[in-house]
Amino acid sequence: MRALTNSGASQQLEQQETETEILQAIAMLPGKQCVATYMRLVEGHSYEAIAAALGCGEPSARKHVARGRQRLQSTIAHLAPTQTKDIKP
């Protein structure tokens, strides 16, 4: 049972570290991209709410989120699970 507890704690710590790294990557985005991406991905706000917070139109809010996501993909690509192929004997 102890091994399961340690494994669970290890997974929880790893998840917390990953979340921290993602939040740090979002914080490094330029101004409106940072706010828009955080509001959408972390807080789950609508594009309408993001537009209101940024003082821009909804199409601009969508563009800020899209650009933020693009930058994040390259910044945190190393966090994506790797695919492994089944090796057949």
N, C-alpha and C. Protein backbone atom coordinates (compact mmCIF):
# COMPACT_ATOMS: atom_id res chain seq x y z
N MET A 1 0.81 -1.20 0.00
CA MET A 1 0.00 0.00 0.00
C MET A 1 0.86 1.26 0.00
N ARG A 2 1.99 1.19 0.67
CA ARG A 2 2.85 2.37 0.76
C ARG A 2 3.36 2.78 -0.62
N ALA A 3 3.67 1.81 -1.47
CA ALA A 3 4.16 2.12 -2.82
C ALA A 3 3.09 2.89 -3.60
N LEU A 4 1.83 2.51 -3.44
CA LEU A 4 0.75 3.22 -4.13
C LEU A 4 0.64 4.65 -3.63
N THR A 5 0.81 4.82 -2.33
CA THR A 5 0.73 6.16 -1.76
C THR A 5 1.85 7.04 -2.29
N ASN A 6 3.06 6.49 -2.33
CA ASN A 6 4.19 7.25 -2.86
C ASN A 6 4.01 7.55 -4.33
N SER A 7 3.47 6.58 -5.07
CA SER A 7 3.23 6.78 -6.49
C SER A 7 2.19 7.88 -6.71
N GLY A 8 1.13 7.84 -5.92
CA GLY A 8 0.09 8.86 -6.02
C GLY A 8 0.62 10.24 -5.68
N ALA A 9 1.44 10.32 -4.63
CA ALA A 9 2.02 11.59 -4.23
C ALA A 9 2.97 12.10 -5.32
N SER A 10 3.70 11.19 -5.92
CA SER A 10 4.63 11.55 -6.99
C SER A 10 3.88 12.10 -8.20
N GLN A 11 2.78 11.44 -8.54
CA GLN A 11 1.98 11.90 -9.68
C GLN A 11 1.36 13.26 -9.39
N GLN A 12 0.91 13.46 -8.16
CA GLN A 12 0.31 14.73 -7.78
C GLN A 12 1.35 15.85 -7.85
N LEU A 13 2.56 15.57 -7.37
CA LEU A 13 3.63 16.56 -7.42
C LEU A 13 3.98 16.89 -8.87
N GLU A 14 4.06 15.86 -9.70
CA GLU A 14 4.37 16.07 -11.12
C GLU A 14 3.29 16.92 -11.79
N GLN A 15 2.03 16.66 -11.46
CA GLN A 15 0.93 17.44 -12.04
C GLN A 15 1.01 18.89 -11.58
N GLN A 16 1.32 19.12 -10.31
CA GLN A 16 1.43 20.48 -9.80
C GLN A 16 2.57 21.22 -10.49
N GLU A 17 3.68 20.53 -10.72
CA GLU A 17 4.82 21.15 -11.40
C GLU A 17 4.47 21.50 -12.84
N THR A 18 3.74 20.62 -13.49
CA THR A 18 3.31 20.86 -14.87
C THR A 18 2.38 22.07 -14.93
N GLU A 19 1.41 22.12 -14.01
CA GLU A 19 0.48 23.25 -13.98
C GLU A 19 1.23 24.55 -13.72
N THR A 20 2.19 24.52 -12.84
CA THR A 20 2.98 25.72 -12.55
C THR A 20 3.75 26.16 -13.78
N GLU A 21 4.33 25.21 -14.49
CA GLU A 21 5.09 25.54 -15.71
C GLU A 21 4.17 26.14 -16.78
N ILE A 22 2.97 25.61 -16.91
CA ILE A 22 2.02 26.14 -17.88
C ILE A 22 1.61 27.57 -17.51
N LEU A 23 1.31 27.79 -16.23
CA LEU A 23 0.94 29.14 -15.79
C LEU A 23 2.09 30.13 -15.99
N GLN A 24 3.31 29.69 -15.76
CA GLN A 24 4.47 30.56 -16.00
C GLN A 24 4.61 30.88 -17.47
N ALA A 25 4.34 29.90 -18.33
CA ALA A 25 4.42 30.12 -19.78
C ALA A 25 3.34 31.11 -20.22
N ILE A 26 2.15 31.00 -19.66
CA ILE A 26 1.09 31.95 -19.98
C ILE A 26 1.49 33.35 -19.53
N ALA A 27 2.08 33.46 -18.36
CA ALA A 27 2.50 34.76 -17.82
C ALA A 27 3.56 35.42 -18.68
N MET A 28 4.30 34.65 -19.46
CA MET A 28 5.35 35.19 -20.32
C MET A 28 4.81 35.71 -21.65
N LEU A 29 3.55 35.44 -21.94
CA LEU A 29 2.97 35.92 -23.20
C LEU A 29 2.85 37.44 -23.16
N PRO A 30 2.87 38.08 -24.34
CA PRO A 30 2.70 39.53 -24.39
C PRO A 30 1.32 39.95 -23.86
N GLY A 31 1.22 41.12 -23.28
CA GLY A 31 0.05 41.74 -22.68
C GLY A 31 -1.31 41.12 -22.89
N LYS A 32 -1.98 41.49 -23.98
CA LYS A 32 -3.35 41.05 -24.21
C LYS A 32 -3.43 39.55 -24.47
N GLN A 33 -2.40 38.98 -25.07
CA GLN A 33 -2.37 37.53 -25.28
C GLN A 33 -2.36 36.81 -23.94
N CYS A 34 -1.58 37.33 -23.01
CA CYS A 34 -1.49 36.75 -21.67
C CYS A 34 -2.86 36.76 -21.00
N VAL A 35 -3.48 37.92 -20.96
CA VAL A 35 -4.78 38.06 -20.29
C VAL A 35 -5.83 37.20 -20.97
N ALA A 36 -5.91 37.28 -22.28
CA ALA A 36 -6.93 36.54 -23.03
C ALA A 36 -6.74 35.03 -22.88
N THR A 37 -5.52 34.57 -22.99
CA THR A 37 -5.23 33.14 -22.89
C THR A 37 -5.53 32.63 -21.48
N TYR A 38 -5.14 33.38 -20.48
CA TYR A 38 -5.41 32.99 -19.09
C TYR A 38 -6.92 32.93 -18.85
N MET A 39 -7.62 33.95 -19.28
CA MET A 39 -9.06 34.00 -19.06
C MET A 39 -9.76 32.83 -19.74
N ARG A 40 -9.32 32.47 -20.93
CA ARG A 40 -9.98 31.41 -21.69
C ARG A 40 -9.58 30.02 -21.19
N LEU A 41 -8.29 29.76 -21.10
CA LEU A 41 -7.82 28.41 -20.80
C LEU A 41 -7.88 28.06 -19.31
N VAL A 42 -7.61 29.02 -18.47
CA VAL A 42 -7.56 28.74 -17.03
C VAL A 42 -8.91 29.00 -16.36
N GLU A 43 -9.49 30.15 -16.67
CA GLU A 43 -10.73 30.54 -16.01
C GLU A 43 -11.99 30.14 -16.78
N GLY A 44 -11.84 29.81 -18.06
CA GLY A 44 -12.97 29.33 -18.86
C GLY A 44 -13.97 30.40 -19.29
N HIS A 45 -13.52 31.64 -19.38
CA HIS A 45 -14.42 32.73 -19.77
C HIS A 45 -14.79 32.65 -21.25
N SER A 46 -15.93 33.23 -21.59
CA SER A 46 -16.37 33.30 -22.98
C SER A 46 -15.54 34.36 -23.70
N TYR A 47 -15.56 34.29 -25.03
CA TYR A 47 -14.85 35.30 -25.81
C TYR A 47 -15.49 36.67 -25.61
N GLU A 48 -16.77 36.68 -25.38
CA GLU A 48 -17.47 37.94 -25.12
C GLU A 48 -16.94 38.60 -23.84
N ALA A 49 -16.77 37.80 -22.80
CA ALA A 49 -16.24 38.32 -21.53
C ALA A 49 -14.79 38.77 -21.68
N ILE A 50 -14.02 38.03 -22.45
CA ILE A 50 -12.62 38.39 -22.67
C ILE A 50 -12.55 39.72 -23.43
N ALA A 51 -13.38 39.86 -24.44
CA ALA A 51 -13.43 41.10 -25.22
C ALA A 51 -13.78 42.28 -24.32
N ALA A 52 -14.75 42.09 -23.44
CA ALA A 52 -15.15 43.17 -22.52
C ALA A 52 -14.00 43.54 -21.59
N ALA A 53 -13.29 42.55 -21.08
CA ALA A 53 -12.18 42.80 -20.16
C ALA A 53 -11.02 43.51 -20.86
N LEU A 54 -10.81 43.18 -22.14
CA LEU A 54 -9.70 43.78 -22.88
C LEU A 54 -10.09 45.09 -23.56
N GLY A 55 -11.38 45.37 -23.62
CA GLY A 55 -11.82 46.57 -24.30
C GLY A 55 -11.67 46.49 -25.80
N CYS A 56 -11.95 45.30 -26.35
CA CYS A 56 -11.83 45.10 -27.79
C CYS A 56 -13.04 44.31 -28.26
N GLY A 57 -13.11 44.07 -29.56
CA GLY A 57 -14.20 43.28 -30.11
C GLY A 57 -13.94 41.80 -29.91
N GLU A 58 -15.01 41.02 -30.06
CA GLU A 58 -14.88 39.57 -29.90
C GLU A 58 -13.91 38.94 -30.90
N PRO A 59 -13.91 39.38 -32.18
CA PRO A 59 -12.93 38.81 -33.12
C PRO A 59 -11.48 39.05 -32.66
N SER A 60 -11.22 40.22 -32.10
CA SER A 60 -9.87 40.51 -31.59
C SER A 60 -9.54 39.62 -30.40
N ALA A 61 -10.52 39.40 -29.53
CA ALA A 61 -10.31 38.53 -28.37
C ALA A 61 -9.97 37.12 -28.83
N ARG A 62 -10.68 36.64 -29.84
CA ARG A 62 -10.41 35.31 -30.39
C ARG A 62 -8.99 35.24 -30.96
N LYS A 63 -8.59 36.31 -31.62
CA LYS A 63 -7.25 36.35 -32.21
C LYS A 63 -6.17 36.34 -31.13
N HIS A 64 -6.39 37.09 -30.05
CA HIS A 64 -5.43 37.11 -28.94
C HIS A 64 -5.27 35.72 -28.32
N VAL A 65 -6.39 35.02 -28.14
CA VAL A 65 -6.34 33.67 -27.58
C VAL A 65 -5.63 32.73 -28.55
N ALA A 66 -5.96 32.81 -29.83
CA ALA A 66 -5.34 31.93 -30.83
C ALA A 66 -3.83 32.14 -30.88
N ARG A 67 -3.40 33.38 -30.86
CA ARG A 67 -1.97 33.67 -30.90
C ARG A 67 -1.28 33.21 -29.61
N GLY A 68 -1.97 33.39 -28.49
CA GLY A 68 -1.42 32.91 -27.23
C GLY A 68 -1.26 31.40 -27.23
N ARG A 69 -2.26 30.70 -27.74
CA ARG A 69 -2.17 29.23 -27.83
C ARG A 69 -1.02 28.80 -28.72
N GLN A 70 -0.85 29.51 -29.84
CA GLN A 70 0.25 29.18 -30.75
C GLN A 70 1.59 29.28 -30.05
N ARG A 71 1.79 30.37 -29.34
CA ARG A 71 3.05 30.56 -28.63
C ARG A 71 3.23 29.51 -27.54
N LEU A 72 2.15 29.18 -26.85
CA LEU A 72 2.23 28.17 -25.80
C LEU A 72 2.61 26.81 -26.36
N GLN A 73 2.08 26.47 -27.52
CA GLN A 73 2.38 25.17 -28.11
C GLN A 73 3.88 24.96 -28.27
N SER A 74 4.57 25.98 -28.71
CA SER A 74 6.01 25.81 -28.89
C SER A 74 6.75 25.90 -27.55
N THR A 75 6.24 26.72 -26.64
CA THR A 75 6.90 26.90 -25.36
C THR A 75 6.79 25.67 -24.46
N ILE A 76 5.63 25.03 -24.46
CA ILE A 76 5.43 23.91 -23.55
C ILE A 76 5.24 22.58 -24.27
N ALA A 77 5.74 22.48 -25.48
CA ALA A 77 5.61 21.25 -26.27
C ALA A 77 6.22 20.06 -25.54
N HIS A 78 7.26 20.30 -24.77
CA HIS A 78 7.94 19.20 -24.07
C HIS A 78 7.07 18.57 -22.99
N LEU A 79 5.96 19.21 -22.63
CA LEU A 79 5.07 18.67 -21.61
C LEU A 79 4.04 17.70 -22.18
N ALA A 80 3.89 17.70 -23.50
CA ALA A 80 2.91 16.81 -24.14
C ALA A 80 3.35 15.37 -23.98
N PRO A 81 2.38 14.48 -23.71
CA PRO A 81 2.75 13.07 -23.58
C PRO A 81 3.31 12.55 -24.90
N THR A 82 4.31 11.74 -24.81
CA THR A 82 4.91 11.17 -26.02
C THR A 82 4.15 9.91 -26.40
N GLN A 83 4.04 9.71 -27.68
CA GLN A 83 3.38 8.50 -28.16
C GLN A 83 4.41 7.41 -28.31
N THR A 84 4.04 6.24 -27.87
CA THR A 84 4.93 5.11 -28.04
C THR A 84 4.23 4.07 -28.90
N LYS A 85 4.99 3.45 -29.72
CA LYS A 85 4.44 2.41 -30.58
C LYS A 85 4.60 1.07 -29.86
N ASP A 86 3.62 0.23 -30.05
CA ASP A 86 3.73 -1.11 -29.50
C ASP A 86 4.81 -1.85 -30.30
N ILE A 87 5.73 -2.41 -29.58
CA ILE A 87 6.81 -3.16 -30.23
C ILE A 87 6.41 -4.63 -30.25
N LYS A 88 6.34 -5.16 -31.44
CA LYS A 88 5.94 -6.57 -31.57
C LYS A 88 7.19 -7.41 -31.78
N PRO A 89 7.28 -8.51 -31.07
CA PRO A 89 8.47 -9.38 -31.20
C PRO A 89 8.56 -10.02 -32.57
